[in-house]
Amino acid sequence: MTIKIYNSLTRKKEIFKPVEKDKVKMYVCGMTVYSDAHIGHARTYFAFDVIRRYFEYKGYKVKYIQNITDVDDKIIDAANREGVDALEYSRRFADRCLKDLDNLGIRRADSYPKASETIPDMIKMIEQLINKGYGYESGGDVYFSVEKFEDYGKLSGQKIDEVKSSACAITDEHKQCSFDFALWKATKPGEPSWPSPWGEGRPGWHIECSAMSSKQLGLPFDIHGGGMDLRFPHHENEIAQAEAATGKQFAKYWMHIGLLTVDGEKMSKSIGNIVNVKDLLKKWDAEVVRFFFAQAHYRSPPDFSENALKNAEKGLVRIHRLMEKMESFAGDKKIDEKKLSPEEKKYLKVVDDFKNSFESALDDDFNTSQAVSIVFDFVNTGNRFFEKTSNPDPGLIRYALDTMKRIGNVLTLFQDKKVVSDDKVLEKLRETASVFITNVKGKGLEEIMDLLLQARETARARKDWKIADSIRNELDKIGFEVQDTTSGPVWRKK
């Protein structure tokens, strides 16, 4: 089945047809780096990570570009308050924001071009716009003339003629029409600036994405995306600039992510309900957060809450329980259907139906909400199968396990654990470990856990159940769960 995408430009689902065969060129508006990454950022970049992963699952080669806005009014204001250079300030937060998303388990884009590093390309595009009559210089500033671009408003669907007539009735000192937007801003005290044909200054916000995406991907490219809040005016202005300057179609498919709420309210500084990724990961496992995001379709507005995360965590436990059971029975050889019992053959069909249903859900505009329901149905069926079959065919279980892992990878599940623990948790773990083993000084969390599990296995081997249970109970108090499988004990941070 082919992939269908809801195209914000046409307001309908369309069959995806790439510009180049078997390739996907994707540009997503990145962060303006003046503060730490928050869950709104995470929601958007998780969604596009899944979209990128599913294209790869289907055999496409994906080129994914995400810009970093490191020249902006908010960055300049924040840097001036701290009394530091604006570009140095933004470099610091760019590193912090990307690291936060790393810790959340969101794969990085292929490239992160920065606004400050793309100034010559922006100036070139502005010159093209002026030469073609779409841009005009005024007092060292350069503006885009909205009236000149006939298709302005085609993405947002606004009745642009009415807006133009009311907006153009009011003019300010520099603009011909108050609806016009800045391509270049003349330098002001305390701001970074670059030389240009119109004097020292810096680019407007919108021009950077038009210039970067055109340079990195060529025109037209396949997918342009971002949060729903960017649809107007940012994305509308991007289209106007790029298509006016080049005479080519900008992007074929526009995808917008539904805005996340927090306990039913819009996330904002004024309310004080912004949740930073860094703070969230101190309390919740990264996989839980990602699974919470996966349960909502990318165009819907998910509501973030403690209860929602608890429910996501419970669902993950059910999935991992089945995975652990599969791991204990899976063999190394491929499945031999001739050797399967009637019950095993039925389960083989369940696995194949699971894979096909999952693909149908993702083919239909990347419907992760439906996909998660399909995963839970598979978990329930799998549990019933293991209740009936005490010694299932190892090849069959390997096939089921590999299928689950491939599907889980699309949803960002089952990643190698990057245990990020605070000092207090590690201190408690060392204190607990010192009761049962010696020489834990200087050892890391994972190393201590391995030693504790070895000590517990030794105690069980000599039937010292008191020590074995004590280790398990103490770990449970700290926040670590131990699960015994036929291939040995495994642990997980709760």
Foldseek 3Di string as FASTA:
>chain_A
DFFWAQFLLVRGIDGADFPDPLEAEEEEEAEAQQDAAFVQRVLWLLQVLLVVLVSVVVRGHYQYEYEYEQADPSLLVSCVVVVHASNVNRVVRVVRRVVLSVQLLRDDGPYYHYQVVCQVLLLVLLVLCVVLPQWDDFPLWIWGNPVVQPCQCSSVVDPVVVVQVVQCVDDDDGDNGNVIDTQWDADDPSHDWDQHPSGTTGGDDQSSSLRVSCVPPNPAGEEYEYAPVCSPPRVSVSQRSNCSSPVGGHYDGYDHFYGEAEPPHHDDVVVPPTGGSVNVVQPDRSQLSLQLSLQAQRRHHHYDDPVSSVVSVVLVVLLVVLLLQLVQQADDDADDVVPFDPLLVVLLVLLVVLLVQLSVCCSHNHNSNVNSVSSVVNSVVSVVSCVVDVRGDNNSSNVSSVSVVSSCVSSSPDDDDPDDHDPVLQVLLVVLLVVQDPDCPPPDDVVSVVVLQVSLVVCVVVPVVVSNVVSQVSCVVSAKHWDAGNVGIDIDGD
